[in-house]
Amino acid sequence: MKTLLTAIAFVAFALSLSPASAAMMACTTDNMMKTAAMMGGTPDTPAKMAANKEMAMANADMSNGKMKSACMHYMKSQKAMSMK
């Protein structure tokens, strides 16, 4: 759990450095960490809350070995963050 939180923090930091209008990223652990990092630097909005919920579900599925479902939640998270 500690490693997962560290990874999420790293992703949040890395994503805060990238533009919000970036294209959808592939479903990889590194990209998930980048997305989580990016979300940390954005203002609190309903879209951010929806994206955080999807990322939490993606992390839970990834921890349980359900990569297909984790990727689905990850893509939903990206779509939620792109909404204004």
Protein backbone atom coordinates (compact mmCIF):
# COMPACT_ATOMS: atom_id res chain seq x y z
CA MET A 1 0.00 0.00 0.00
CA LYS A 2 2.85 2.36 0.84
CA THR A 3 4.46 1.66 -2.54
CA LEU A 4 1.17 2.29 -4.34
CA LEU A 5 0.72 5.64 -2.60
CA THR A 6 4.29 6.61 -3.44
CA ALA A 7 3.70 5.68 -7.07
CA ILE A 8 0.50 7.71 -7.17
CA ALA A 9 2.28 10.71 -5.67
CA PHE A 10 5.01 10.40 -8.29
CA VAL A 11 2.44 10.18 -11.07
CA ALA A 12 0.59 13.19 -9.72
CA PHE A 13 3.79 15.21 -9.77
CA ALA A 14 4.75 14.09 -13.26
CA LEU A 15 1.30 14.85 -14.64
CA SER A 16 1.27 18.29 -13.11
CA LEU A 17 4.15 19.08 -15.45
CA SER A 18 2.32 17.92 -18.57
CA PRO A 19 -0.42 19.85 -20.38
CA ALA A 20 -4.02 18.98 -19.56
CA SER A 21 -4.86 18.82 -23.24
CA ALA A 22 -2.51 15.93 -23.90
CA ALA A 23 -3.83 12.99 -25.91
CA MET A 24 -5.14 9.89 -24.17
CA MET A 25 -2.31 7.77 -22.82
CA ALA A 26 -1.96 4.01 -23.04
CA CYS A 27 -2.98 1.92 -20.06
CA THR A 28 0.33 1.32 -18.28
CA THR A 29 1.35 1.64 -14.65
CA ASP A 30 3.63 4.55 -15.52
CA ASN A 31 0.88 6.41 -17.34
CA MET A 32 -1.56 5.77 -14.51
CA MET A 33 0.94 7.31 -12.11
CA LYS A 34 1.34 10.29 -14.43
CA THR A 35 -2.41 10.78 -14.59
CA ALA A 36 -2.75 10.62 -10.81
CA ALA A 37 0.06 13.15 -10.46
CA MET A 38 -1.57 15.50 -12.96
CA MET A 39 -4.85 15.41 -11.10
CA GLY A 40 -3.16 16.57 -7.90
CA GLY A 41 -2.31 19.97 -9.36
CA THR A 42 -5.73 20.78 -10.78
CA PRO A 43 -8.46 22.73 -8.99
CA ASP A 44 -11.25 20.80 -7.29
CA THR A 45 -14.12 20.42 -9.73
CA PRO A 46 -16.83 17.80 -10.31
CA ALA A 47 -14.71 16.46 -13.20
CA LYS A 48 -11.72 16.02 -10.88
CA MET A 49 -13.89 14.20 -8.33
CA ALA A 50 -15.16 11.84 -11.03
CA ALA A 51 -11.61 11.26 -12.28
CA ASN A 52 -10.37 10.55 -8.74
CA LYS A 53 -13.18 8.03 -8.24
CA GLU A 54 -12.28 6.25 -11.49
CA MET A 55 -8.56 6.23 -10.60
CA ALA A 56 -9.38 4.71 -7.20
CA MET A 57 -11.37 1.96 -8.91
CA ALA A 58 -8.53 1.45 -11.41
CA ASN A 59 -6.01 1.11 -8.57
CA ALA A 60 -8.24 -1.38 -6.75
CA ASP A 61 -8.70 -3.47 -9.89
CA MET A 62 -4.99 -3.35 -10.68
CA SER A 63 -4.20 -4.53 -7.14
CA ASN A 64 -6.55 -7.47 -7.68
CA GLY A 65 -4.97 -8.36 -11.03
CA LYS A 66 -7.93 -7.20 -13.13
CA MET A 67 -5.99 -5.21 -15.73
CA LYS A 68 -8.81 -5.07 -18.28
CA SER A 69 -11.15 -3.47 -15.76
CA ALA A 70 -8.36 -1.23 -14.44
CA CYS A 71 -7.70 0.06 -17.95
CA MET A 72 -11.38 0.73 -18.47
CA HIS A 73 -11.50 2.86 -15.30
CA TYR A 74 -8.26 4.58 -16.28
CA MET A 75 -9.69 5.62 -19.66
CA LYS A 76 -12.86 6.89 -17.96
CA SER A 77 -10.66 8.92 -15.62
CA GLN A 78 -8.88 10.54 -18.56
CA LYS A 79 -12.20 11.37 -20.21
CA ALA A 80 -13.52 12.89 -16.99
CA MET A 81 -10.45 15.12 -16.66
CA SER A 82 -10.81 16.33 -20.24
CA MET A 83 -14.39 17.50 -19.57
CA LYS A 84 -14.85 21.11 -18.56
